[in-house]
Amino acid sequence: MRNQIENIIWDWNGTLLDDRELCIRSINKLLKARSLPELTLERYLNVFGFPVKDYYQRIGFDFEHEPFDIPANQFIDHYSNEIEQCELHNGVKEILYKIKEKGSKQVVLSAMEQSKLEQSISRLNIDHFFETISGLDNDYAATKEANGIALINQLQLSSNKTVLIGDTTHDFEVAQKLNCACILIANGHQHKTKLEKTGATTLDSLLDLPAVIYGK
């Protein structure tokens, strides 16, 4: 892949931001309140996915008795109350700086609501690394495919010189829609075995990334 990449599209939650434990705690509060089985880390990594409405149904929520927006908003409340405790994964700033030094454009493409996304990135003082930051206009984390296509067109990114870096199979699906390469990091919200089944390059840690992209 070395010398071919000019543009990096970053996922945020789970890829750059280490928020996995917070997500598990937050969803378990909702499950406990409904007398549903709480998630272990292992089960979470195997059942989480997009759209999150389907994930909620897989873990026991019944939307015939309760509309999706009720638990979705409750989750956001729990999550938002603690997100400031979340930090970046190890090595993120160094990697962002190294990519910037190489002259590659960096953007963020997230299923997080736009204003919350901007606030989260700004709090960690890394917003200056990115050409643009693209989130959703709601809190329901359905899909980010349309925003990804808009990003490619808006910034006139060459798909064959672009790589999307994420931590879920949805990131791979978005990369397929954008016709760009994909690298998945197995340190976020889905199990490594699920990620590997996509056929995308799958790494255990972001620390392995520069060698894959630039060869050193």
N, C-alpha and C. Protein backbone atom coordinates (compact mmCIF):
# COMPACT_ATOMS: atom_id res chain seq x y z
N MET A 1 0.83 -1.21 0.00
CA MET A 1 0.00 0.00 0.00
C MET A 1 0.86 1.26 0.00
N ARG A 2 2.13 1.14 0.32
CA ARG A 2 3.01 2.30 0.46
C ARG A 2 3.06 3.14 -0.82
N ASN A 3 3.19 4.44 -0.63
CA ASN A 3 3.32 5.43 -1.71
C ASN A 3 2.06 5.58 -2.55
N GLN A 4 0.98 4.89 -2.21
CA GLN A 4 -0.25 4.99 -2.99
C GLN A 4 -1.30 5.84 -2.28
N ILE A 5 -1.13 6.07 -1.01
CA ILE A 5 -2.19 6.70 -0.22
C ILE A 5 -1.95 8.20 -0.08
N GLU A 6 -2.95 8.96 -0.51
CA GLU A 6 -2.91 10.42 -0.36
C GLU A 6 -3.98 10.93 0.60
N ASN A 7 -4.99 10.10 0.86
CA ASN A 7 -6.13 10.53 1.68
C ASN A 7 -6.49 9.46 2.71
N ILE A 8 -6.68 9.89 3.96
CA ILE A 8 -7.10 8.99 5.02
C ILE A 8 -8.48 9.42 5.51
N ILE A 9 -9.44 8.50 5.46
CA ILE A 9 -10.76 8.74 6.05
C ILE A 9 -10.82 7.96 7.36
N TRP A 10 -10.90 8.68 8.45
CA TRP A 10 -10.91 8.05 9.78
C TRP A 10 -12.34 7.88 10.30
N ASP A 11 -12.63 6.70 10.82
CA ASP A 11 -13.77 6.54 11.73
C ASP A 11 -13.35 7.14 13.07
N TRP A 12 -14.31 7.50 13.90
CA TRP A 12 -13.98 8.13 15.19
C TRP A 12 -14.14 7.17 16.36
N ASN A 13 -15.39 6.78 16.67
CA ASN A 13 -15.65 5.96 17.86
C ASN A 13 -15.04 4.58 17.72
N GLY A 14 -14.18 4.23 18.65
CA GLY A 14 -13.57 2.91 18.64
C GLY A 14 -12.30 2.83 17.83
N THR A 15 -12.13 3.74 16.87
CA THR A 15 -10.93 3.74 16.02
C THR A 15 -9.90 4.71 16.56
N LEU A 16 -10.26 5.96 16.68
CA LEU A 16 -9.38 6.96 17.29
C LEU A 16 -9.73 7.16 18.77
N LEU A 17 -11.04 7.22 19.06
CA LEU A 17 -11.49 7.40 20.44
C LEU A 17 -11.74 6.04 21.10
N ASP A 18 -11.14 5.84 22.25
CA ASP A 18 -11.29 4.58 22.98
C ASP A 18 -12.52 4.68 23.89
N ASP A 19 -13.69 4.37 23.31
CA ASP A 19 -14.95 4.52 24.07
C ASP A 19 -15.69 3.20 24.24
N ARG A 20 -15.01 2.10 24.00
CA ARG A 20 -15.69 0.80 24.06
C ARG A 20 -16.27 0.49 25.43
N GLU A 21 -15.48 0.67 26.48
CA GLU A 21 -15.97 0.36 27.83
C GLU A 21 -17.15 1.24 28.20
N LEU A 22 -17.12 2.49 27.78
CA LEU A 22 -18.24 3.39 28.06
C LEU A 22 -19.50 2.91 27.34
N CYS A 23 -19.36 2.47 26.11
CA CYS A 23 -20.52 1.98 25.37
C CYS A 23 -21.12 0.74 26.03
N ILE A 24 -20.28 -0.13 26.52
CA ILE A 24 -20.78 -1.34 27.19
C ILE A 24 -21.48 -0.97 28.50
N ARG A 25 -20.87 -0.09 29.28
CA ARG A 25 -21.51 0.35 30.52
C ARG A 25 -22.85 1.00 30.24
N SER A 26 -22.90 1.84 29.22
CA SER A 26 -24.12 2.58 28.92
C SER A 26 -25.25 1.66 28.48
N ILE A 27 -24.94 0.70 27.60
CA ILE A 27 -26.00 -0.19 27.12
C ILE A 27 -26.43 -1.14 28.24
N ASN A 28 -25.51 -1.52 29.12
CA ASN A 28 -25.87 -2.41 30.22
C ASN A 28 -26.80 -1.74 31.22
N LYS A 29 -26.71 -0.43 31.37
CA LYS A 29 -27.65 0.29 32.23
C LYS A 29 -29.06 0.16 31.68
N LEU A 30 -29.19 0.24 30.36
CA LEU A 30 -30.50 0.11 29.72
C LEU A 30 -31.02 -1.31 29.83
N LEU A 31 -30.14 -2.27 29.61
CA LEU A 31 -30.55 -3.68 29.69
C LEU A 31 -30.99 -4.04 31.12
N LYS A 32 -30.22 -3.60 32.09
CA LYS A 32 -30.54 -3.89 33.50
C LYS A 32 -31.89 -3.31 33.87
N ALA A 33 -32.18 -2.09 33.39
CA ALA A 33 -33.45 -1.43 33.71
C ALA A 33 -34.64 -2.19 33.12
N ARG A 34 -34.39 -3.00 32.10
CA ARG A 34 -35.46 -3.77 31.44
C ARG A 34 -35.40 -5.25 31.80
N SER A 35 -34.57 -5.60 32.78
CA SER A 35 -34.38 -6.98 33.22
C SER A 35 -33.94 -7.88 32.07
N LEU A 36 -33.11 -7.34 31.20
CA LEU A 36 -32.53 -8.10 30.08
C LEU A 36 -31.09 -8.46 30.43
N PRO A 37 -30.57 -9.56 29.87
CA PRO A 37 -29.19 -9.96 30.17
C PRO A 37 -28.19 -8.88 29.76
N GLU A 38 -27.28 -8.58 30.67
CA GLU A 38 -26.25 -7.59 30.36
C GLU A 38 -25.17 -8.20 29.48
N LEU A 39 -24.42 -7.35 28.79
CA LEU A 39 -23.41 -7.80 27.84
C LEU A 39 -22.04 -7.91 28.49
N THR A 40 -21.37 -9.03 28.24
CA THR A 40 -19.94 -9.12 28.55
C THR A 40 -19.19 -8.49 27.38
N LEU A 41 -17.92 -8.24 27.57
CA LEU A 41 -17.10 -7.70 26.48
C LEU A 41 -17.13 -8.62 25.27
N GLU A 42 -16.97 -9.90 25.50
CA GLU A 42 -16.93 -10.86 24.39
C GLU A 42 -18.24 -10.85 23.59
N ARG A 43 -19.36 -10.85 24.30
CA ARG A 43 -20.64 -10.85 23.59
C ARG A 43 -20.85 -9.53 22.85
N TYR A 44 -20.48 -8.45 23.49
CA TYR A 44 -20.61 -7.15 22.84
C TYR A 44 -19.87 -7.12 21.51
N LEU A 45 -18.63 -7.59 21.52
CA LEU A 45 -17.82 -7.56 20.30
C LEU A 45 -18.42 -8.41 19.19
N ASN A 46 -19.22 -9.38 19.56
CA ASN A 46 -19.82 -10.27 18.57
C ASN A 46 -21.21 -9.85 18.11
N VAL A 47 -21.89 -9.00 18.90
CA VAL A 47 -23.27 -8.63 18.52
C VAL A 47 -23.39 -7.18 18.05
N PHE A 48 -22.43 -6.33 18.38
CA PHE A 48 -22.55 -4.93 17.99
C PHE A 48 -22.44 -4.77 16.48
N GLY A 49 -23.21 -3.83 15.95
CA GLY A 49 -23.14 -3.54 14.53
C GLY A 49 -24.07 -2.40 14.15
N PHE A 50 -24.06 -2.08 12.86
CA PHE A 50 -24.91 -1.01 12.32
C PHE A 50 -25.92 -1.59 11.35
N PRO A 51 -27.10 -0.97 11.26
CA PRO A 51 -27.57 0.13 12.09
C PRO A 51 -27.78 -0.32 13.53
N VAL A 52 -27.62 0.61 14.46
CA VAL A 52 -27.67 0.22 15.87
C VAL A 52 -29.07 -0.25 16.28
N LYS A 53 -30.08 0.14 15.55
CA LYS A 53 -31.43 -0.34 15.86
C LYS A 53 -31.47 -1.86 15.77
N ASP A 54 -30.84 -2.43 14.76
CA ASP A 54 -30.80 -3.89 14.62
C ASP A 54 -30.00 -4.52 15.75
N TYR A 55 -28.92 -3.88 16.14
CA TYR A 55 -28.11 -4.35 17.27
C TYR A 55 -28.94 -4.37 18.55
N TYR A 56 -29.72 -3.33 18.79
CA TYR A 56 -30.58 -3.29 19.97
C TYR A 56 -31.55 -4.47 19.96
N GLN A 57 -32.11 -4.77 18.82
CA GLN A 57 -33.05 -5.90 18.73
C GLN A 57 -32.35 -7.22 19.01
N ARG A 58 -31.12 -7.36 18.54
CA ARG A 58 -30.37 -8.61 18.76
C ARG A 58 -30.13 -8.86 20.25
N ILE A 59 -30.03 -7.81 21.04
CA ILE A 59 -29.72 -8.01 22.46
C ILE A 59 -30.97 -7.95 23.35
N GLY A 60 -32.15 -7.91 22.72
CA GLY A 60 -33.36 -8.12 23.49
C GLY A 60 -34.39 -7.01 23.54
N PHE A 61 -34.10 -5.85 22.96
CA PHE A 61 -35.08 -4.76 22.97
C PHE A 61 -36.25 -5.12 22.06
N ASP A 62 -37.45 -4.80 22.51
CA ASP A 62 -38.68 -5.13 21.78
C ASP A 62 -39.35 -3.83 21.36
N PHE A 63 -39.24 -3.51 20.08
CA PHE A 63 -39.75 -2.23 19.60
C PHE A 63 -41.24 -2.27 19.24
N GLU A 64 -41.87 -3.40 19.52
CA GLU A 64 -43.34 -3.43 19.44
C GLU A 64 -43.94 -2.89 20.73
N HIS A 65 -43.17 -2.94 21.81
CA HIS A 65 -43.64 -2.45 23.11
C HIS A 65 -43.00 -1.13 23.51
N GLU A 66 -41.96 -0.75 22.80
CA GLU A 66 -41.23 0.47 23.16
C GLU A 66 -40.56 1.00 21.90
N PRO A 67 -40.83 2.24 21.51
CA PRO A 67 -40.20 2.78 20.30
C PRO A 67 -38.69 2.90 20.47
N PHE A 68 -37.97 2.71 19.38
CA PHE A 68 -36.52 2.72 19.39
C PHE A 68 -35.93 4.01 19.97
N ASP A 69 -36.58 5.14 19.72
CA ASP A 69 -35.98 6.40 20.15
C ASP A 69 -35.88 6.53 21.67
N ILE A 70 -36.67 5.75 22.43
CA ILE A 70 -36.59 5.83 23.89
C ILE A 70 -35.25 5.28 24.39
N PRO A 71 -34.91 3.99 24.12
CA PRO A 71 -33.59 3.52 24.56
C PRO A 71 -32.44 4.23 23.86
N ALA A 72 -32.63 4.61 22.59
CA ALA A 72 -31.56 5.31 21.87
C ALA A 72 -31.20 6.61 22.58
N ASN A 73 -32.21 7.37 22.97
CA ASN A 73 -31.95 8.65 23.66
C ASN A 73 -31.40 8.43 25.06
N GLN A 74 -31.87 7.36 25.73
CA GLN A 74 -31.34 7.06 27.06
C GLN A 74 -29.86 6.67 26.97
N PHE A 75 -29.52 5.91 25.95
CA PHE A 75 -28.11 5.54 25.75
C PHE A 75 -27.27 6.80 25.54
N ILE A 76 -27.74 7.70 24.69
CA ILE A 76 -26.99 8.92 24.41
C ILE A 76 -26.81 9.73 25.69
N ASP A 77 -27.84 9.77 26.53
CA ASP A 77 -27.73 10.50 27.80
C ASP A 77 -26.62 9.91 28.68
N HIS A 78 -26.64 8.57 28.85
CA HIS A 78 -25.61 7.91 29.66
C HIS A 78 -24.22 8.14 29.06
N TYR A 79 -24.13 7.95 27.74
CA TYR A 79 -22.86 8.08 27.04
C TYR A 79 -22.33 9.51 27.15
N SER A 80 -23.19 10.47 26.91
CA SER A 80 -22.77 11.88 26.91
C SER A 80 -22.29 12.33 28.29
N ASN A 81 -22.87 11.74 29.33
CA ASN A 81 -22.49 12.12 30.69
C ASN A 81 -21.06 11.71 31.03
N GLU A 82 -20.53 10.71 30.30
CA GLU A 82 -19.21 10.19 30.65
C GLU A 82 -18.19 10.28 29.54
N ILE A 83 -18.58 10.78 28.36
CA ILE A 83 -17.65 10.74 27.23
C ILE A 83 -16.37 11.52 27.50
N GLU A 84 -16.44 12.53 28.35
CA GLU A 84 -15.25 13.31 28.61
C GLU A 84 -14.19 12.51 29.38
N GLN A 85 -14.56 11.34 29.87
CA GLN A 85 -13.58 10.46 30.51
C GLN A 85 -12.83 9.61 29.49
N CYS A 86 -13.33 9.58 28.25
CA CYS A 86 -12.71 8.74 27.22
C CYS A 86 -11.51 9.45 26.62
N GLU A 87 -10.48 8.67 26.37
CA GLU A 87 -9.25 9.21 25.78
C GLU A 87 -9.01 8.58 24.40
N LEU A 88 -8.01 9.09 23.73
CA LEU A 88 -7.61 8.52 22.45
C LEU A 88 -6.91 7.18 22.66
N HIS A 89 -6.97 6.32 21.67
CA HIS A 89 -6.17 5.10 21.72
C HIS A 89 -4.68 5.46 21.74
N ASN A 90 -3.88 4.55 22.23
CA ASN A 90 -2.44 4.78 22.31
C ASN A 90 -1.85 5.13 20.95
N GLY A 91 -1.06 6.18 20.93
CA GLY A 91 -0.32 6.52 19.72
C GLY A 91 -1.06 7.34 18.68
N VAL A 92 -2.32 7.71 18.97
CA VAL A 92 -3.13 8.39 17.96
C VAL A 92 -2.48 9.71 17.51
N LYS A 93 -2.10 10.55 18.44
CA LYS A 93 -1.55 11.86 18.05
C LYS A 93 -0.27 11.70 17.23
N GLU A 94 0.57 10.76 17.62
CA GLU A 94 1.81 10.53 16.89
C GLU A 94 1.53 10.06 15.47
N ILE A 95 0.52 9.18 15.32
CA ILE A 95 0.17 8.67 14.00
C ILE A 95 -0.43 9.77 13.13
N LEU A 96 -1.33 10.58 13.71
CA LEU A 96 -1.92 11.68 12.96
C LEU A 96 -0.83 12.65 12.50
N TYR A 97 0.12 12.91 13.36
CA TYR A 97 1.21 13.82 13.01
C TYR A 97 2.08 13.24 11.90
N LYS A 98 2.36 11.94 11.99
CA LYS A 98 3.19 11.30 10.97
C LYS A 98 2.50 11.34 9.61
N ILE A 99 1.20 11.09 9.59
CA ILE A 99 0.45 11.13 8.34
C ILE A 99 0.43 12.56 7.78
N LYS A 100 0.27 13.53 8.66
CA LYS A 100 0.29 14.93 8.22
C LYS A 100 1.64 15.28 7.61
N GLU A 101 2.71 14.79 8.22
CA GLU A 101 4.06 15.03 7.69
C GLU A 101 4.23 14.47 6.29
N LYS A 102 3.56 13.37 6.02
CA LYS A 102 3.64 12.74 4.70
C LYS A 102 2.85 13.51 3.65
N GLY A 103 2.05 14.48 4.10
CA GLY A 103 1.28 15.30 3.17
C GLY A 103 -0.08 14.73 2.81
N SER A 104 -0.51 13.68 3.50
CA SER A 104 -1.81 13.08 3.22
C SER A 104 -2.93 13.90 3.85
N LYS A 105 -4.06 14.02 3.15
CA LYS A 105 -5.24 14.64 3.73
C LYS A 105 -5.87 13.67 4.72
N GLN A 106 -6.40 14.21 5.82
CA GLN A 106 -7.09 13.40 6.81
C GLN A 106 -8.46 14.00 7.08
N VAL A 107 -9.49 13.14 7.09
CA VAL A 107 -10.84 13.57 7.40
C VAL A 107 -11.46 12.56 8.36
N VAL A 108 -12.51 13.00 9.05
CA VAL A 108 -13.24 12.09 9.95
C VAL A 108 -14.63 11.87 9.38
N LEU A 109 -15.02 10.60 9.31
CA LEU A 109 -16.35 10.19 8.85
C LEU A 109 -16.96 9.32 9.94
N SER A 110 -17.98 9.82 10.62
CA SER A 110 -18.50 9.15 11.80
C SER A 110 -20.02 9.04 11.77
N ALA A 111 -20.54 8.02 12.48
CA ALA A 111 -21.98 7.88 12.66
C ALA A 111 -22.44 8.60 13.93
N MET A 112 -21.57 9.40 14.52
CA MET A 112 -21.91 10.21 15.69
C MET A 112 -22.58 11.50 15.23
N GLU A 113 -23.45 12.05 16.04
CA GLU A 113 -24.12 13.30 15.70
C GLU A 113 -23.09 14.43 15.57
N GLN A 114 -23.29 15.30 14.58
CA GLN A 114 -22.26 16.26 14.17
C GLN A 114 -21.73 17.14 15.29
N SER A 115 -22.60 17.80 16.04
CA SER A 115 -22.12 18.72 17.06
C SER A 115 -21.39 17.98 18.18
N LYS A 116 -21.88 16.80 18.56
CA LYS A 116 -21.21 16.00 19.58
C LYS A 116 -19.85 15.52 19.08
N LEU A 117 -19.79 15.17 17.80
CA LEU A 117 -18.54 14.73 17.19
C LEU A 117 -17.50 15.85 17.22
N GLU A 118 -17.91 17.02 16.79
CA GLU A 118 -16.99 18.16 16.76
C GLU A 118 -16.49 18.49 18.16
N GLN A 119 -17.40 18.45 19.13
CA GLN A 119 -17.02 18.75 20.52
C GLN A 119 -16.05 17.72 21.06
N SER A 120 -16.28 16.45 20.74
CA SER A 120 -15.43 15.37 21.22
C SER A 120 -14.02 15.49 20.65
N ILE A 121 -13.93 15.78 19.36
CA ILE A 121 -12.62 15.90 18.71
C ILE A 121 -11.89 17.15 19.21
N SER A 122 -12.61 18.24 19.37
CA SER A 122 -12.00 19.48 19.84
C SER A 122 -11.46 19.35 21.26
N ARG A 123 -12.21 18.63 22.10
CA ARG A 123 -11.78 18.45 23.50
C ARG A 123 -10.41 17.79 23.59
N LEU A 124 -10.13 16.92 22.63
CA LEU A 124 -8.87 16.17 22.65
C LEU A 124 -7.77 16.85 21.83
N ASN A 125 -8.09 18.06 21.35
CA ASN A 125 -7.08 18.91 20.69
C ASN A 125 -6.44 18.26 19.46
N ILE A 126 -7.27 17.61 18.64
CA ILE A 126 -6.72 17.03 17.42
C ILE A 126 -7.48 17.51 16.18
N ASP A 127 -8.41 18.46 16.34
CA ASP A 127 -9.21 18.91 15.21
C ASP A 127 -8.36 19.52 14.10
N HIS A 128 -7.20 20.09 14.44
CA HIS A 128 -6.35 20.74 13.45
C HIS A 128 -5.72 19.75 12.46
N PHE A 129 -5.80 18.47 12.76
CA PHE A 129 -5.25 17.47 11.83
C PHE A 129 -6.17 17.21 10.64
N PHE A 130 -7.44 17.59 10.75
CA PHE A 130 -8.44 17.13 9.78
C PHE A 130 -8.90 18.24 8.85
N GLU A 131 -9.02 17.87 7.57
CA GLU A 131 -9.55 18.79 6.55
C GLU A 131 -11.02 19.10 6.83
N THR A 132 -11.73 18.08 7.22
CA THR A 132 -13.15 18.25 7.55
C THR A 132 -13.58 17.13 8.49
N ILE A 133 -14.68 17.36 9.19
CA ILE A 133 -15.23 16.39 10.15
C ILE A 133 -16.69 16.18 9.79
N SER A 134 -17.06 14.94 9.48
CA SER A 134 -18.41 14.65 8.99
C SER A 134 -19.13 13.68 9.92
N GLY A 135 -20.21 14.15 10.54
CA GLY A 135 -21.06 13.30 11.38
C GLY A 135 -22.48 13.29 10.84
N LEU A 136 -23.38 12.70 11.60
CA LEU A 136 -24.78 12.62 11.19
C LEU A 136 -25.59 13.79 11.77
N ASP A 137 -26.79 13.97 11.25
CA ASP A 137 -27.66 15.04 11.76
C ASP A 137 -28.62 14.54 12.82
N ASN A 138 -28.33 13.33 13.37
CA ASN A 138 -29.17 12.77 14.43
C ASN A 138 -28.33 11.86 15.31
N ASP A 139 -28.94 11.34 16.38
CA ASP A 139 -28.22 10.49 17.35
C ASP A 139 -28.43 9.00 17.13
N TYR A 140 -29.01 8.60 16.00
CA TYR A 140 -29.46 7.22 15.88
C TYR A 140 -28.52 6.30 15.11
N ALA A 141 -27.36 6.81 14.68
CA ALA A 141 -26.27 6.00 14.14
C ALA A 141 -26.73 4.95 13.14
N ALA A 142 -27.45 5.39 12.13
CA ALA A 142 -27.96 4.44 11.14
C ALA A 142 -26.86 4.04 10.15
N THR A 143 -26.41 4.96 9.33
CA THR A 143 -25.35 4.66 8.37
C THR A 143 -24.66 5.96 7.99
N LYS A 144 -23.43 5.85 7.54
CA LYS A 144 -22.68 7.04 7.13
C LYS A 144 -22.26 6.97 5.67
N GLU A 145 -22.89 6.07 4.91
CA GLU A 145 -22.54 5.90 3.50
C GLU A 145 -22.74 7.18 2.70
N ALA A 146 -23.90 7.82 2.85
CA ALA A 146 -24.20 9.03 2.08
C ALA A 146 -23.20 10.13 2.39
N ASN A 147 -22.85 10.27 3.67
CA ASN A 147 -21.87 11.29 4.05
C ASN A 147 -20.50 10.98 3.46
N GLY A 148 -20.18 9.70 3.38
CA GLY A 148 -18.90 9.30 2.79
C GLY A 148 -18.82 9.66 1.32
N ILE A 149 -19.89 9.41 0.59
CA ILE A 149 -19.94 9.76 -0.83
C ILE A 149 -19.83 11.27 -1.00
N ALA A 150 -20.52 12.02 -0.13
CA ALA A 150 -20.45 13.48 -0.19
C ALA A 150 -19.03 13.97 0.07
N LEU A 151 -18.33 13.34 1.02
CA LEU A 151 -16.96 13.71 1.32
C LEU A 151 -16.05 13.53 0.12
N ILE A 152 -16.17 12.37 -0.52
CA ILE A 152 -15.35 12.07 -1.70
C ILE A 152 -15.55 13.14 -2.77
N ASN A 153 -16.81 13.49 -2.99
CA ASN A 153 -17.13 14.46 -4.04
C ASN A 153 -16.72 15.88 -3.64
N GLN A 154 -17.02 16.24 -2.40
CA GLN A 154 -16.73 17.59 -1.93
C GLN A 154 -15.24 17.91 -1.97
N LEU A 155 -14.42 16.96 -1.51
CA LEU A 155 -12.98 17.20 -1.43
C LEU A 155 -12.24 16.69 -2.67
N GLN A 156 -13.02 16.12 -3.61
CA GLN A 156 -12.45 15.59 -4.86
C GLN A 156 -11.30 14.61 -4.57
N LEU A 157 -11.61 13.64 -3.70
CA LEU A 157 -10.62 12.64 -3.33
C LEU A 157 -10.59 11.52 -4.37
N SER A 158 -9.41 11.12 -4.77
CA SER A 158 -9.28 9.98 -5.69
C SER A 158 -9.48 8.70 -4.89
N SER A 159 -10.50 7.92 -5.23
CA SER A 159 -10.80 6.71 -4.47
C SER A 159 -9.63 5.74 -4.43
N ASN A 160 -8.90 5.64 -5.54
CA ASN A 160 -7.80 4.67 -5.59
C ASN A 160 -6.56 5.14 -4.81
N LYS A 161 -6.62 6.35 -4.25
CA LYS A 161 -5.54 6.85 -3.42
C LYS A 161 -6.03 7.16 -2.00
N THR A 162 -7.17 6.56 -1.66
CA THR A 162 -7.82 6.82 -0.37
C THR A 162 -7.98 5.52 0.41
N VAL A 163 -7.79 5.59 1.72
CA VAL A 163 -8.05 4.43 2.57
C VAL A 163 -8.95 4.87 3.73
N LEU A 164 -9.95 4.06 4.01
CA LEU A 164 -10.84 4.28 5.14
C LEU A 164 -10.37 3.39 6.28
N ILE A 165 -10.16 3.97 7.44
CA ILE A 165 -9.67 3.22 8.60
C ILE A 165 -10.76 3.21 9.67
N GLY A 166 -11.21 2.02 10.03
CA GLY A 166 -12.29 1.89 11.00
C GLY A 166 -12.14 0.66 11.87
N ASP A 167 -13.22 0.35 12.61
CA ASP A 167 -13.15 -0.76 13.56
C ASP A 167 -14.37 -1.67 13.47
N THR A 168 -15.20 -1.49 12.41
CA THR A 168 -16.39 -2.34 12.27
C THR A 168 -16.58 -2.77 10.83
N THR A 169 -17.40 -3.78 10.65
CA THR A 169 -17.71 -4.24 9.29
C THR A 169 -18.46 -3.16 8.51
N HIS A 170 -19.16 -2.27 9.21
CA HIS A 170 -19.82 -1.17 8.51
C HIS A 170 -18.81 -0.24 7.85
N ASP A 171 -17.67 -0.05 8.49
CA ASP A 171 -16.62 0.76 7.87
C ASP A 171 -16.16 0.11 6.56
N PHE A 172 -16.05 -1.20 6.57
CA PHE A 172 -15.69 -1.91 5.34
C PHE A 172 -16.77 -1.72 4.27
N GLU A 173 -18.03 -1.82 4.67
CA GLU A 173 -19.13 -1.63 3.72
C GLU A 173 -19.13 -0.23 3.12
N VAL A 174 -18.83 0.76 3.96
CA VAL A 174 -18.75 2.14 3.46
C VAL A 174 -17.59 2.28 2.48
N ALA A 175 -16.45 1.69 2.82
CA ALA A 175 -15.30 1.73 1.92
C ALA A 175 -15.63 1.10 0.58
N GLN A 176 -16.40 0.02 0.61
CA GLN A 176 -16.82 -0.62 -0.65
C GLN A 176 -17.66 0.33 -1.49
N LYS A 177 -18.56 1.05 -0.83
CA LYS A 177 -19.41 2.02 -1.54
C LYS A 177 -18.58 3.16 -2.12
N LEU A 178 -17.50 3.52 -1.41
CA LEU A 178 -16.64 4.62 -1.86
C LEU A 178 -15.58 4.15 -2.84
N ASN A 179 -15.52 2.82 -3.02
CA ASN A 179 -14.54 2.22 -3.93
C ASN A 179 -13.11 2.54 -3.51
N CYS A 180 -12.89 2.54 -2.19
CA CYS A 180 -11.54 2.82 -1.68
C CYS A 180 -11.06 1.66 -0.81
N ALA A 181 -9.78 1.67 -0.50
CA ALA A 181 -9.20 0.63 0.36
C ALA A 181 -9.73 0.78 1.79
N CYS A 182 -9.57 -0.28 2.56
CA CYS A 182 -10.05 -0.28 3.95
C CYS A 182 -9.06 -1.01 4.84
N ILE A 183 -8.78 -0.43 5.98
CA ILE A 183 -8.00 -1.09 7.03
C ILE A 183 -8.84 -1.07 8.29
N LEU A 184 -8.98 -2.23 8.92
CA LEU A 184 -9.79 -2.35 10.14
C LEU A 184 -8.89 -2.60 11.34
N ILE A 185 -9.22 -1.96 12.44
CA ILE A 185 -8.44 -2.07 13.68
C ILE A 185 -9.24 -2.87 14.70
N ALA A 186 -8.69 -3.99 15.14
CA ALA A 186 -9.42 -4.89 16.04
C ALA A 186 -9.20 -4.51 17.50
N ASN A 187 -9.41 -3.24 17.79
CA ASN A 187 -9.25 -2.75 19.15
C ASN A 187 -10.41 -1.84 19.53
N GLY A 188 -11.54 -2.03 18.81
CA GLY A 188 -12.68 -1.16 19.00
C GLY A 188 -13.94 -1.91 19.35
N HIS A 189 -14.94 -1.84 18.44
CA HIS A 189 -16.28 -2.29 18.80
C HIS A 189 -16.70 -3.63 18.20
N GLN A 190 -15.83 -4.28 17.45
CA GLN A 190 -16.18 -5.61 16.93
C GLN A 190 -15.00 -6.56 17.03
N HIS A 191 -15.35 -7.84 17.12
CA HIS A 191 -14.35 -8.89 17.30
C HIS A 191 -13.49 -9.03 16.05
N LYS A 192 -12.22 -9.35 16.26
CA LYS A 192 -11.27 -9.48 15.15
C LYS A 192 -11.73 -10.50 14.12
N THR A 193 -12.33 -11.60 14.58
CA THR A 193 -12.77 -12.63 13.63
C THR A 193 -13.85 -12.11 12.70
N LYS A 194 -14.72 -11.23 13.19
CA LYS A 194 -15.75 -10.62 12.34
C LYS A 194 -15.10 -9.71 11.31
N LEU A 195 -14.13 -8.94 11.75
CA LEU A 195 -13.46 -8.01 10.85
C LEU A 195 -12.69 -8.76 9.76
N GLU A 196 -12.03 -9.81 10.14
CA GLU A 196 -11.22 -10.56 9.18
C GLU A 196 -12.06 -11.20 8.09
N LYS A 197 -13.31 -11.53 8.41
CA LYS A 197 -14.19 -12.15 7.41
C LYS A 197 -14.50 -11.22 6.24
N THR A 198 -14.30 -9.92 6.42
CA THR A 198 -14.53 -8.98 5.32
C THR A 198 -13.45 -9.11 4.24
N GLY A 199 -12.30 -9.63 4.61
CA GLY A 199 -11.18 -9.70 3.69
C GLY A 199 -10.30 -8.45 3.73
N ALA A 200 -10.71 -7.45 4.52
CA ALA A 200 -9.90 -6.23 4.64
C ALA A 200 -8.67 -6.50 5.50
N THR A 201 -7.63 -5.73 5.27
CA THR A 201 -6.46 -5.77 6.14
C THR A 201 -6.91 -5.46 7.57
N THR A 202 -6.60 -6.34 8.51
CA THR A 202 -7.06 -6.18 9.89
C THR A 202 -5.85 -6.17 10.82
N LEU A 203 -5.74 -5.12 11.61
CA LEU A 203 -4.61 -4.94 12.52
C LEU A 203 -5.07 -5.00 13.96
N ASP A 204 -4.18 -5.44 14.84
CA ASP A 204 -4.52 -5.50 16.27
C ASP A 204 -4.50 -4.12 16.92
N SER A 205 -3.73 -3.21 16.37
CA SER A 205 -3.54 -1.91 16.99
C SER A 205 -3.24 -0.85 15.94
N LEU A 206 -3.61 0.38 16.23
CA LEU A 206 -3.25 1.50 15.37
C LEU A 206 -1.74 1.66 15.25
N LEU A 207 -1.01 1.19 16.25
CA LEU A 207 0.44 1.33 16.23
C LEU A 207 1.05 0.59 15.05
N ASP A 208 0.33 -0.39 14.50
CA ASP A 208 0.83 -1.14 13.34
C ASP A 208 0.55 -0.43 12.03
N LEU A 209 -0.21 0.66 12.08
CA LEU A 209 -0.70 1.29 10.86
C LEU A 209 0.35 1.93 9.97
N PRO A 210 1.25 2.75 10.50
CA PRO A 210 2.22 3.42 9.62
C PRO A 210 3.01 2.46 8.75
N ALA A 211 3.40 1.32 9.31
CA ALA A 211 4.18 0.35 8.54
C ALA A 211 3.37 -0.20 7.37
N VAL A 212 2.06 -0.36 7.58
CA VAL A 212 1.21 -0.89 6.51
C VAL A 212 1.00 0.15 5.42
N ILE A 213 0.81 1.40 5.82
CA ILE A 213 0.53 2.45 4.83
C ILE A 213 1.80 2.91 4.12
N TYR A 214 2.85 3.12 4.91
CA TYR A 214 4.05 3.74 4.34
C TYR A 214 5.27 2.82 4.29
N GLY A 215 5.13 1.64 4.87
CA GLY A 215 6.22 0.68 4.78
C GLY A 215 7.31 0.87 5.82
N LYS A 216 7.05 1.74 6.80
CA LYS A 216 8.03 1.91 7.87
C LYS A 216 7.36 2.59 9.05
